[in-house]
Amino acid sequence: MTALDAPVRATAAVGYKAVVDHFVEHGLPAPESIELRDGGMRVWLIFGKNEWLDTLHVDDEVVVPIVGTDLERVHASGRLPGLLGQVKVELRYTRRAEMPAMQAVSA
């Protein structure tokens, strides 16, 4: 154990507790998992993605198509309200892909 391990573990514990407090206080469905990642907490959702998104400050959203399906994986990065917006979260969930725009095909 290095001298840096204890502060890192304490910071991770505060972030984890903030995520748990957030979904309990807002009556949100519990996430499938909560993981500590570089730069914040990663939260995997199966249920309640819209409710979660409504309670966060979303900064960015990246959509990744899932090849061979009509699904896409969404990575929404944002911050929990409170604690001066210091707890960064990334919500990950799967949704049905929106219909792609029709493209002209030349023969």
PDB file of N, CA and C in Angstrom:
ATOM      1  N   MET A   1       0.848  -1.177   0.000  1.00  0.00           N
ATOM      2  CA  MET A   1       0.000   0.000   0.000  1.00  0.00           C
ATOM      3  C   MET A   1       0.889   1.234   0.000  1.00  0.00           C
ATOM      4  N   THR A   2       0.674   2.112  -0.967  1.00  0.00           N
ATOM      5  CA  THR A   2       1.454   3.342  -1.046  1.00  0.00           C
ATOM      6  C   THR A   2       0.763   4.441  -0.250  1.00  0.00           C
ATOM      7  N   ALA A   3       1.462   5.548  -0.087  1.00  0.00           N
ATOM      8  CA  ALA A   3       0.889   6.683   0.645  1.00  0.00           C
ATOM      9  C   ALA A   3      -0.322   7.259  -0.080  1.00  0.00           C
ATOM     10  N   LEU A   4      -0.407   7.027  -1.393  1.00  0.00           N
ATOM     11  CA  LEU A   4      -1.514   7.565  -2.178  1.00  0.00           C
ATOM     12  C   LEU A   4      -2.760   6.690  -2.122  1.00  0.00           C
ATOM     13  N   ASP A   5      -2.607   5.423  -1.755  1.00  0.00           N
ATOM     14  CA  ASP A   5      -3.735   4.497  -1.762  1.00  0.00           C
ATOM     15  C   ASP A   5      -4.875   4.932  -0.843  1.00  0.00           C
ATOM     16  N   ALA A   6      -4.570   5.356   0.362  1.00  0.00           N
ATOM     17  CA  ALA A   6      -5.619   5.733   1.319  1.00  0.00           C
ATOM     18  C   ALA A   6      -6.454   6.913   0.821  1.00  0.00           C
ATOM     19  N   PRO A   7      -5.842   8.017   0.334  1.00  0.00           N
ATOM     20  CA  PRO A   7      -6.669   9.121  -0.175  1.00  0.00           C
ATOM     21  C   PRO A   7      -7.503   8.728  -1.396  1.00  0.00           C
ATOM     22  N   VAL A   8      -6.934   7.877  -2.263  1.00  0.00           N
ATOM     23  CA  VAL A   8      -7.678   7.438  -3.448  1.00  0.00           C
ATOM     24  C   VAL A   8      -8.876   6.605  -3.031  1.00  0.00           C
ATOM     25  N   ARG A   9      -8.690   5.700  -2.080  1.00  0.00           N
ATOM     26  CA  ARG A   9      -9.792   4.887  -1.589  1.00  0.00           C
ATOM     27  C   ARG A   9     -10.853   5.754  -0.916  1.00  0.00           C
ATOM     28  N   ALA A  10     -10.438   6.740  -0.154  1.00  0.00           N
ATOM     29  CA  ALA A  10     -11.396   7.631   0.512  1.00  0.00           C
ATOM     30  C   ALA A  10     -12.193   8.421  -0.510  1.00  0.00           C
ATOM     31  N   THR A  11     -11.535   8.912  -1.549  1.00  0.00           N
ATOM     32  CA  THR A  11     -12.221   9.657  -2.605  1.00  0.00           C
ATOM     33  C   THR A  11     -13.218   8.766  -3.331  1.00  0.00           C
ATOM     34  N   ALA A  12     -12.820   7.536  -3.616  1.00  0.00           N
ATOM     35  CA  ALA A  12     -13.725   6.591  -4.277  1.00  0.00           C
ATOM     36  C   ALA A  12     -14.926   6.297  -3.394  1.00  0.00           C
ATOM     37  N   ALA A  13     -14.707   6.169  -2.100  1.00  0.00           N
ATOM     38  CA  ALA A  13     -15.814   5.892  -1.175  1.00  0.00           C
ATOM     39  C   ALA A  13     -16.797   7.058  -1.152  1.00  0.00           C
ATOM     40  N   VAL A  14     -16.297   8.289  -1.191  1.00  0.00           N
ATOM     41  CA  VAL A  14     -17.176   9.465  -1.208  1.00  0.00           C
ATOM     42  C   VAL A  14     -17.987   9.484  -2.503  1.00  0.00           C
ATOM     43  N   GLY A  15     -17.353   9.203  -3.634  1.00  0.00           N
ATOM     44  CA  GLY A  15     -18.066   9.178  -4.916  1.00  0.00           C
ATOM     45  C   GLY A  15     -19.116   8.090  -4.951  1.00  0.00           C
ATOM     46  N   TYR A  16     -18.769   6.902  -4.482  1.00  0.00           N
ATOM     47  CA  TYR A  16     -19.713   5.784  -4.453  1.00  0.00           C
ATOM     48  C   TYR A  16     -20.905   6.123  -3.567  1.00  0.00           C
ATOM     49  N   LYS A  17     -20.623   6.662  -2.379  1.00  0.00           N
ATOM     50  CA  LYS A  17     -21.705   7.038  -1.462  1.00  0.00           C
ATOM     51  C   LYS A  17     -22.580   8.126  -2.067  1.00  0.00           C
ATOM     52  N   ALA A  18     -21.984   9.072  -2.769  1.00  0.00           N
ATOM     53  CA  ALA A  18     -22.767  10.133  -3.404  1.00  0.00           C
ATOM     54  C   ALA A  18     -23.720   9.559  -4.448  1.00  0.00           C
ATOM     55  N   VAL A  19     -23.269   8.578  -5.234  1.00  0.00           N
ATOM     56  CA  VAL A  19     -24.139   7.956  -6.236  1.00  0.00           C
ATOM     57  C   VAL A  19     -25.278   7.207  -5.555  1.00  0.00           C
ATOM     58  N   VAL A  20     -24.960   6.442  -4.515  1.00  0.00           N
ATOM     59  CA  VAL A  20     -25.997   5.706  -3.791  1.00  0.00           C
ATOM     60  C   VAL A  20     -26.994   6.675  -3.158  1.00  0.00           C
ATOM     61  N   ASP A  21     -26.495   7.707  -2.489  1.00  0.00           N
ATOM     62  CA  ASP A  21     -27.392   8.709  -1.885  1.00  0.00           C
ATOM     63  C   ASP A  21     -28.279   9.355  -2.936  1.00  0.00           C
ATOM     64  N   HIS A  22     -27.710   9.610  -4.111  1.00  0.00           N
ATOM     65  CA  HIS A  22     -28.458  10.273  -5.183  1.00  0.00           C
ATOM     66  C   HIS A  22     -29.655   9.433  -5.614  1.00  0.00           C
ATOM     67  N   PHE A  23     -29.446   8.148  -5.887  1.00  0.00           N
ATOM     68  CA  PHE A  23     -30.589   7.368  -6.367  1.00  0.00           C
ATOM     69  C   PHE A  23     -31.588   7.076  -5.266  1.00  0.00           C
ATOM     70  N   VAL A  24     -31.139   6.985  -4.014  1.00  0.00           N
ATOM     71  CA  VAL A  24     -32.077   6.785  -2.911  1.00  0.00           C
ATOM     72  C   VAL A  24     -32.919   8.044  -2.690  1.00  0.00           C
ATOM     73  N   GLU A  25     -32.264   9.213  -2.629  1.00  0.00           N
ATOM     74  CA  GLU A  25     -32.963  10.472  -2.377  1.00  0.00           C
ATOM     75  C   GLU A  25     -33.959  10.823  -3.480  1.00  0.00           C
ATOM     76  N   HIS A  26     -33.647  10.453  -4.722  1.00  0.00           N
ATOM     77  CA  HIS A  26     -34.523  10.791  -5.842  1.00  0.00           C
ATOM     78  C   HIS A  26     -35.486   9.660  -6.211  1.00  0.00           C
ATOM     79  N   GLY A  27     -35.442   8.568  -5.483  1.00  0.00           N
ATOM     80  CA  GLY A  27     -36.331   7.447  -5.762  1.00  0.00           C
ATOM     81  C   GLY A  27     -36.075   6.797  -7.108  1.00  0.00           C
ATOM     82  N   LEU A  28     -34.815   6.775  -7.529  1.00  0.00           N
ATOM     83  CA  LEU A  28     -34.451   6.204  -8.829  1.00  0.00           C
ATOM     84  C   LEU A  28     -34.240   4.698  -8.709  1.00  0.00           C
ATOM     85  N   PRO A  29     -34.437   3.976  -9.808  1.00  0.00           N
ATOM     86  CA  PRO A  29     -34.120   2.544  -9.785  1.00  0.00           C
ATOM     87  C   PRO A  29     -32.621   2.351  -9.523  1.00  0.00           C
ATOM     88  N   ALA A  30     -32.302   1.340  -8.753  1.00  0.00           N
ATOM     89  CA  ALA A  30     -30.897   1.057  -8.457  1.00  0.00           C
ATOM     90  C   ALA A  30     -30.171   0.673  -9.735  1.00  0.00           C
ATOM     91  N   PRO A  31     -28.923   1.101  -9.888  1.00  0.00           N
ATOM     92  CA  PRO A  31     -28.157   0.719 -11.079  1.00  0.00           C
ATOM     93  C   PRO A  31     -27.748  -0.744 -11.034  1.00  0.00           C
ATOM     94  N   GLU A  32     -27.418  -1.260 -12.190  1.00  0.00           N
ATOM     95  CA  GLU A  32     -26.900  -2.623 -12.275  1.00  0.00           C
ATOM     96  C   GLU A  32     -25.539  -2.717 -11.590  1.00  0.00           C
ATOM     97  N   SER A  33     -24.705  -1.690 -11.786  1.00  0.00           N
ATOM     98  CA  SER A  33     -23.404  -1.655 -11.117  1.00  0.00           C
ATOM     99  C   SER A  33     -22.908  -0.219 -11.035  1.00  0.00           C
ATOM    100  N   ILE A  34     -22.004   0.000 -10.085  1.00  0.00           N
ATOM    101  CA  ILE A  34     -21.322   1.281  -9.915  1.00  0.00           C
ATOM    102  C   ILE A  34     -19.838   0.958  -9.847  1.00  0.00           C
ATOM    103  N   GLU A  35     -19.046   1.592 -10.715  1.00  0.00           N
ATOM    104  CA  GLU A  35     -17.609   1.315 -10.766  1.00  0.00           C
ATOM    105  C   GLU A  35     -16.833   2.618 -10.694  1.00  0.00           C
ATOM    106  N   LEU A  36     -15.689   2.572 -10.039  1.00  0.00           N
ATOM    107  CA  LEU A  36     -14.782   3.704 -10.039  1.00  0.00           C
ATOM    108  C   LEU A  36     -13.953   3.640 -11.303  1.00  0.00           C
ATOM    109  N   ARG A  37     -13.922   4.715 -12.062  1.00  0.00           N
ATOM    110  CA  ARG A  37     -13.119   4.811 -13.286  1.00  0.00           C
ATOM    111  C   ARG A  37     -12.295   6.078 -13.233  1.00  0.00           C
ATOM    112  N   ASP A  38     -11.324   6.176 -14.118  1.00  0.00           N
ATOM    113  CA  ASP A  38     -10.544   7.406 -14.211  1.00  0.00           C
ATOM    114  C   ASP A  38     -11.494   8.561 -14.458  1.00  0.00           C
ATOM    115  N   GLY A  39     -11.456   9.532 -13.601  1.00  0.00           N
ATOM    116  CA  GLY A  39     -12.268  10.720 -13.808  1.00  0.00           C
ATOM    117  C   GLY A  39     -13.677  10.644 -13.259  1.00  0.00           C
ATOM    118  N   GLY A  40     -14.061   9.565 -12.587  1.00  0.00           N
ATOM    119  CA  GLY A  40     -15.404   9.543 -12.024  1.00  0.00           C
ATOM    120  C   GLY A  40     -15.959   8.156 -11.819  1.00  0.00           C
ATOM    121  N   MET A  41     -17.260   8.097 -11.617  1.00  0.00           N
ATOM    122  CA  MET A  41     -17.960   6.852 -11.359  1.00  0.00           C
ATOM    123  C   MET A  41     -18.692   6.429 -12.633  1.00  0.00           C
ATOM    124  N   ARG A  42     -18.652   5.134 -12.948  1.00  0.00           N
ATOM    125  CA  ARG A  42     -19.395   4.595 -14.092  1.00  0.00           C
ATOM    126  C   ARG A  42     -20.603   3.852 -13.542  1.00  0.00           C
ATOM    127  N   VAL A  43     -21.773   4.220 -14.028  1.00  0.00           N
ATOM    128  CA  VAL A  43     -23.029   3.645 -13.549  1.00  0.00           C
ATOM    129  C   VAL A  43     -23.715   2.950 -14.722  1.00  0.00           C
ATOM    130  N   TRP A  44     -23.910   1.628 -14.610  1.00  0.00           N
ATOM    131  CA  TRP A  44     -24.614   0.865 -15.637  1.00  0.00           C
ATOM    132  C   TRP A  44     -26.075   0.781 -15.251  1.00  0.00           C
ATOM    133  N   LEU A  45     -26.953   1.123 -16.193  1.00  0.00           N
ATOM    134  CA  LEU A  45     -28.391   1.117 -15.934  1.00  0.00           C
ATOM    135  C   LEU A  45     -29.098   0.104 -16.809  1.00  0.00           C
ATOM    136  N   ILE A  46     -30.110  -0.516 -16.250  1.00  0.00           N
ATOM    137  CA  ILE A  46     -31.026  -1.339 -17.028  1.00  0.00           C
ATOM    138  C   ILE A  46     -32.390  -0.668 -17.041  1.00  0.00           C
ATOM    139  N   PHE A  47     -32.795  -0.133 -15.895  1.00  0.00           N
ATOM    140  CA  PHE A  47     -34.092   0.522 -15.773  1.00  0.00           C
ATOM    141  C   PHE A  47     -33.903   1.973 -15.338  1.00  0.00           C
ATOM    142  N   GLY A  48     -34.823   2.838 -15.745  1.00  0.00           N
ATOM    143  CA  GLY A  48     -34.869   4.205 -15.245  1.00  0.00           C
ATOM    144  C   GLY A  48     -33.897   5.181 -15.848  1.00  0.00           C
ATOM    145  N   LYS A  49     -33.448   4.910 -17.075  1.00  0.00           N
ATOM    146  CA  LYS A  49     -32.452   5.821 -17.658  1.00  0.00           C
ATOM    147  C   LYS A  49     -32.977   7.242 -17.800  1.00  0.00           C
ATOM    148  N   ASN A  50     -34.234   7.415 -18.174  1.00  0.00           N
ATOM    149  CA  ASN A  50     -34.778   8.772 -18.320  1.00  0.00           C
ATOM    150  C   ASN A  50     -34.855   9.489 -16.986  1.00  0.00           C
ATOM    151  N   GLU A  51     -35.253   8.759 -15.948  1.00  0.00           N
ATOM    152  CA  GLU A  51     -35.319   9.363 -14.623  1.00  0.00           C
ATOM    153  C   GLU A  51     -33.933   9.783 -14.138  1.00  0.00           C
ATOM    154  N   TRP A  52     -32.933   8.923 -14.386  1.00  0.00           N
ATOM    155  CA  TRP A  52     -31.567   9.267 -14.009  1.00  0.00           C
ATOM    156  C   TRP A  52     -31.099  10.509 -14.768  1.00  0.00           C
ATOM    157  N   LEU A  53     -31.327  10.538 -16.068  1.00  0.00           N
ATOM    158  CA  LEU A  53     -30.871  11.676 -16.873  1.00  0.00           C
ATOM    159  C   LEU A  53     -31.520  12.977 -16.427  1.00  0.00           C
ATOM    160  N   ASP A  54     -32.777  12.905 -15.983  1.00  0.00           N
ATOM    161  CA  ASP A  54     -33.477  14.109 -15.533  1.00  0.00           C
ATOM    162  C   ASP A  54     -32.892  14.686 -14.247  1.00  0.00           C
ATOM    163  N   THR A  55     -32.159  13.892 -13.482  1.00  0.00           N
ATOM    164  CA  THR A  55     -31.641  14.358 -12.191  1.00  0.00           C
ATOM    165  C   THR A  55     -30.168  14.725 -12.225  1.00  0.00           C
ATOM    166  N   LEU A  56     -29.527  14.632 -13.380  1.00  0.00           N
ATOM    167  CA  LEU A  56     -28.095  14.930 -13.505  1.00  0.00           C
ATOM    168  C   LEU A  56     -27.861  16.170 -14.345  1.00  0.00           C
ATOM    169  N   HIS A  57     -26.667  16.709 -14.221  1.00  0.00           N
ATOM    170  CA  HIS A  57     -26.194  17.744 -15.137  1.00  0.00           C
ATOM    171  C   HIS A  57     -25.413  17.011 -16.221  1.00  0.00           C
ATOM    172  N   VAL A  58     -26.049  16.749 -17.369  1.00  0.00           N
ATOM    173  CA  VAL A  58     -25.401  15.991 -18.442  1.00  0.00           C
ATOM    174  C   VAL A  58     -24.544  16.944 -19.270  1.00  0.00           C
ATOM    175  N   ASP A  59     -23.262  16.603 -19.409  1.00  0.00           N
ATOM    176  CA  ASP A  59     -22.318  17.427 -20.159  1.00  0.00           C
ATOM    177  C   ASP A  59     -22.096  16.917 -21.578  1.00  0.00           C
ATOM    178  N   ASP A  60     -22.167  15.600 -21.769  1.00  0.00           N
ATOM    179  CA  ASP A  60     -21.834  15.031 -23.068  1.00  0.00           C
ATOM    180  C   ASP A  60     -22.538  13.681 -23.214  1.00  0.00           C
ATOM    181  N   GLU A  61     -22.829  13.327 -24.457  1.00  0.00           N
ATOM    182  CA  GLU A  61     -23.447  12.038 -24.738  1.00  0.00           C
ATOM    183  C   GLU A  61     -22.807  11.458 -25.996  1.00  0.00           C
ATOM    184  N   VAL A  62     -22.366  10.206 -25.908  1.00  0.00           N
ATOM    185  CA  VAL A  62     -21.770   9.501 -27.039  1.00  0.00           C
ATOM    186  C   VAL A  62     -22.620   8.271 -27.305  1.00  0.00           C
ATOM    187  N   VAL A  63     -23.001   8.079 -28.569  1.00  0.00           N
ATOM    188  CA  VAL A  63     -23.829   6.933 -28.963  1.00  0.00           C
ATOM    189  C   VAL A  63     -22.982   5.999 -29.810  1.00  0.00           C
ATOM    190  N   VAL A  64     -22.966   4.715 -29.427  1.00  0.00           N
ATOM    191  CA  VAL A  64     -22.185   3.704 -30.134  1.00  0.00           C
ATOM    192  C   VAL A  64     -23.142   2.637 -30.651  1.00  0.00           C
ATOM    193  N   PRO A  65     -23.255   2.475 -31.981  1.00  0.00           N
ATOM    194  CA  PRO A  65     -24.135   1.420 -32.511  1.00  0.00           C
ATOM    195  C   PRO A  65     -23.624   0.037 -32.130  1.00  0.00           C
ATOM    196  N   ILE A  66     -24.536  -0.867 -31.864  1.00  0.00           N
ATOM    197  CA  ILE A  66     -24.178  -2.255 -31.597  1.00  0.00           C
ATOM    198  C   ILE A  66     -24.392  -3.015 -32.898  1.00  0.00           C
ATOM    199  N   VAL A  67     -23.308  -3.467 -33.488  1.00  0.00           N
ATOM    200  CA  VAL A  67     -23.320  -4.082 -34.808  1.00  0.00           C
ATOM    201  C   VAL A  67     -24.234  -5.310 -34.825  1.00  0.00           C
ATOM    202  N   GLY A  68     -25.046  -5.397 -35.876  1.00  0.00           N
ATOM    203  CA  GLY A  68     -25.909  -6.548 -36.071  1.00  0.00           C
ATOM    204  C   GLY A  68     -27.222  -6.492 -35.304  1.00  0.00           C
ATOM    205  N   THR A  69     -27.488  -5.368 -34.647  1.00  0.00           N
ATOM    206  CA  THR A  69     -28.745  -5.230 -33.899  1.00  0.00           C
ATOM    207  C   THR A  69     -29.359  -3.873 -34.217  1.00  0.00           C
ATOM    208  N   ASP A  70     -30.557  -3.662 -33.708  1.00  0.00           N
ATOM    209  CA  ASP A  70     -31.179  -2.345 -33.831  1.00  0.00           C
ATOM    210  C   ASP A  70     -31.010  -1.571 -32.521  1.00  0.00           C
ATOM    211  N   LEU A  71     -29.942  -1.893 -31.779  1.00  0.00           N
ATOM    212  CA  LEU A  71     -29.664  -1.248 -30.498  1.00  0.00           C
ATOM    213  C   LEU A  71     -28.435  -0.363 -30.597  1.00  0.00           C
ATOM    214  N   GLU A  72     -28.323   0.549 -29.637  1.00  0.00           N
ATOM    215  CA  GLU A  72     -27.142   1.382 -29.510  1.00  0.00           C
ATOM    216  C   GLU A  72     -26.826   1.555 -28.029  1.00  0.00           C
ATOM    217  N   ARG A  73     -25.547   1.658 -27.722  1.00  0.00           N
ATOM    218  CA  ARG A  73     -25.110   1.891 -26.347  1.00  0.00           C
ATOM    219  C   ARG A  73     -24.874   3.384 -26.191  1.00  0.00           C
ATOM    220  N   VAL A  74     -25.375   3.932 -25.104  1.00  0.00           N
ATOM    221  CA  VAL A  74     -25.243   5.356 -24.838  1.00  0.00           C
ATOM    222  C   VAL A  74     -24.332   5.551 -23.634  1.00  0.00           C
ATOM    223  N   HIS A  75     -23.373   6.475 -23.775  1.00  0.00           N
ATOM    224  CA  HIS A  75     -22.490   6.873 -22.686  1.00  0.00           C
ATOM    225  C   HIS A  75     -22.794   8.348 -22.431  1.00  0.00           C
ATOM    226  N   ALA A  76     -23.505   8.636 -21.354  1.00  0.00           N
ATOM    227  CA  ALA A  76     -23.844  10.019 -21.001  1.00  0.00           C
ATOM    228  C   ALA A  76     -22.962  10.442 -19.832  1.00  0.00           C
ATOM    229  N   SER A  77     -22.114  11.443 -20.051  1.00  0.00           N
ATOM    230  CA  SER A  77     -21.213  11.938 -19.009  1.00  0.00           C
ATOM    231  C   SER A  77     -21.804  13.183 -18.384  1.00  0.00           C
ATOM    232  N   GLY A  78     -21.717  13.248 -17.075  1.00  0.00           N
ATOM    233  CA  GLY A  78     -22.253  14.417 -16.384  1.00  0.00           C
ATOM    234  C   GLY A  78     -21.780  14.473 -14.947  1.00  0.00           C
ATOM    235  N   ARG A  79     -22.525  15.246 -14.156  1.00  0.00           N
ATOM    236  CA  ARG A  79     -22.165  15.464 -12.755  1.00  0.00           C
ATOM    237  C   ARG A  79     -23.403  15.349 -11.886  1.00  0.00           C
ATOM    238  N   LEU A  80     -23.200  14.849 -10.671  1.00  0.00           N
ATOM    239  CA  LEU A  80     -24.293  14.820  -9.710  1.00  0.00           C
ATOM    240  C   LEU A  80     -24.526  16.232  -9.192  1.00  0.00           C
ATOM    241  N   PRO A  81     -25.774  16.612  -8.958  1.00  0.00           N
ATOM    242  CA  PRO A  81     -26.009  17.896  -8.317  1.00  0.00           C
ATOM    243  C   PRO A  81     -25.496  17.825  -6.874  1.00  0.00           C
ATOM    244  N   GLY A  82     -25.169  18.933  -6.307  1.00  0.00           N
ATOM    245  CA  GLY A  82     -24.633  18.946  -4.946  1.00  0.00           C
ATOM    246  C   GLY A  82     -23.135  18.725  -4.954  1.00  0.00           C
ATOM    247  N   LEU A  83     -22.532  18.827  -3.805  1.00  0.00           N
ATOM    248  CA  LEU A  83     -21.075  18.711  -3.660  1.00  0.00           C
ATOM    249  C   LEU A  83     -20.352  19.546  -4.706  1.00  0.00           C
ATOM    250  N   LEU A  84     -20.961  20.660  -5.054  1.00  0.00           N
ATOM    251  CA  LEU A  84     -20.399  21.597  -6.035  1.00  0.00           C
ATOM    252  C   LEU A  84     -20.141  20.954  -7.387  1.00  0.00           C
ATOM    253  N   GLY A  85     -20.916  19.926  -7.714  1.00  0.00           N
ATOM    254  CA  GLY A  85     -20.779  19.261  -9.010  1.00  0.00           C
ATOM    255  C   GLY A  85     -19.468  18.528  -9.179  1.00  0.00           C
ATOM    256  N   GLN A  86     -18.850  18.127  -8.078  1.00  0.00           N
ATOM    257  CA  GLN A  86     -17.531  17.496  -8.125  1.00  0.00           C
ATOM    258  C   GLN A  86     -17.569  15.999  -8.411  1.00  0.00           C
ATOM    259  N   VAL A  87     -18.713  15.352  -8.209  1.00  0.00           N
ATOM    260  CA  VAL A  87     -18.785  13.907  -8.457  1.00  0.00           C
ATOM    261  C   VAL A  87     -19.216  13.700  -9.902  1.00  0.00           C
ATOM    262  N   LYS A  88     -18.268  13.246 -10.719  1.00  0.00           N
ATOM    263  CA  LYS A  88     -18.537  13.003 -12.129  1.00  0.00           C
ATOM    264  C   LYS A  88     -19.063  11.590 -12.303  1.00  0.00           C
ATOM    265  N   VAL A  89     -20.056  11.455 -13.158  1.00  0.00           N
ATOM    266  CA  VAL A  89     -20.628  10.145 -13.428  1.00  0.00           C
ATOM    267  C   VAL A  89     -20.731   9.938 -14.928  1.00  0.00           C
ATOM    268  N   GLU A  90     -20.660   8.684 -15.311  1.00  0.00           N
ATOM    269  CA  GLU A  90     -20.921   8.309 -16.691  1.00  0.00           C
ATOM    270  C   GLU A  90     -22.002   7.243 -16.645  1.00  0.00           C
ATOM    271  N   LEU A  91     -23.172   7.575 -17.172  1.00  0.00           N
ATOM    272  CA  LEU A  91     -24.258   6.607 -17.258  1.00  0.00           C
ATOM    273  C   LEU A  91     -24.069   5.816 -18.540  1.00  0.00           C
ATOM    274  N   ARG A  92     -24.233   4.520 -18.463  1.00  0.00           N
ATOM    275  CA  ARG A  92     -24.170   3.667 -19.651  1.00  0.00           C
ATOM    276  C   ARG A  92     -25.433   2.829 -19.687  1.00  0.00           C
ATOM    277  N   TYR A  93     -26.048   2.821 -20.848  1.00  0.00           N
ATOM    278  CA  TYR A  93     -27.257   2.030 -21.018  1.00  0.00           C
ATOM    279  C   TYR A  93     -27.452   1.735 -22.486  1.00  0.00           C
ATOM    280  N   THR A  94     -28.356   0.807 -22.775  1.00  0.00           N
ATOM    281  CA  THR A  94     -28.656   0.415 -24.141  1.00  0.00           C
ATOM    282  C   THR A  94     -30.067   0.860 -24.473  1.00  0.00           C
ATOM    283  N   ARG A  95     -30.258   1.323 -25.691  1.00  0.00           N
ATOM    284  CA  ARG A  95     -31.595   1.706 -26.147  1.00  0.00           C
ATOM    285  C   ARG A  95     -31.750   1.298 -27.607  1.00  0.00           C
ATOM    286  N   ARG A  96     -32.996   1.277 -28.051  1.00  0.00           N
ATOM    287  CA  ARG A  96     -33.258   1.010 -29.467  1.00  0.00           C
ATOM    288  C   ARG A  96     -32.730   2.174 -30.290  1.00  0.00           C
ATOM    289  N   ALA A  97     -32.097   1.851 -31.388  1.00  0.00           N
ATOM    290  CA  ALA A  97     -31.545   2.884 -32.264  1.00  0.00           C
ATOM    291  C   ALA A  97     -32.679   3.610 -32.963  1.00  0.00           C
ATOM    292  N   GLU A  98     -32.504   4.909 -33.117  1.00  0.00           N
ATOM    293  CA  GLU A  98     -33.470   5.680 -33.883  1.00  0.00           C
ATOM    294  C   GLU A  98     -33.307   5.295 -35.350  1.00  0.00           C
ATOM    295  N   MET A  99     -34.388   5.414 -36.082  1.00  0.00           N
ATOM    296  CA  MET A  99     -34.331   5.056 -37.503  1.00  0.00           C
ATOM    297  C   MET A  99     -33.346   5.968 -38.218  1.00  0.00           C
ATOM    298  N   PRO A 100     -32.413   5.407 -38.972  1.00  0.00           N
ATOM    299  CA  PRO A 100     -31.461   6.255 -39.707  1.00  0.00           C
ATOM    300  C   PRO A 100     -32.189   7.008 -40.817  1.00  0.00           C
ATOM    301  N   ALA A 101     -31.666   8.143 -41.149  1.00  0.00           N
ATOM    302  CA  ALA A 101     -32.242   8.936 -42.236  1.00  0.00           C
ATOM    303  C   ALA A 101     -32.122   8.174 -43.537  1.00  0.00           C
ATOM    304  N   MET A 102     -33.106   8.318 -44.388  1.00  0.00           N
ATOM    305  CA  MET A 102     -33.074   7.653 -45.686  1.00  0.00           C
ATOM    306  C   MET A 102     -31.964   8.256 -46.529  1.00  0.00           C
ATOM    307  N   GLN A 103     -31.224   7.404 -47.221  1.00  0.00           N
ATOM    308  CA  GLN A 103     -30.139   7.862 -48.069  1.00  0.00           C
ATOM    309  C   GLN A 103     -30.466   7.515 -49.522  1.00  0.00           C
ATOM    310  N   ALA A 104     -30.149   8.431 -50.374  1.00  0.00           N
ATOM    311  CA  ALA A 104     -30.382   8.194 -51.802  1.00  0.00           C
ATOM    312  C   ALA A 104     -29.339   7.205 -52.328  1.00  0.00           C
ATOM    313  N   VAL A 105     -29.782   6.290 -53.134  1.00  0.00           N
ATOM    314  CA  VAL A 105     -28.871   5.313 -53.719  1.00  0.00           C
ATOM    315  C   VAL A 105     -28.911   5.499 -55.235  1.00  0.00           C
ATOM    316  N   SER A 106     -27.749   5.685 -55.815  1.00  0.00           N
ATOM    317  CA  SER A 106     -27.722   5.848 -57.284  1.00  0.00           C
ATOM    318  C   SER A 106     -27.413   4.483 -57.920  1.00  0.00           C
ATOM    319  N   ALA A 107     -27.994   4.285 -59.082  1.00  0.00           N
ATOM    320  CA  ALA A 107     -27.797   2.997 -59.769  1.00  0.00           C
ATOM    321  C   ALA A 107     -26.787   3.108 -60.863  1.00  0.00           C
TER     322      ALA A 107
END
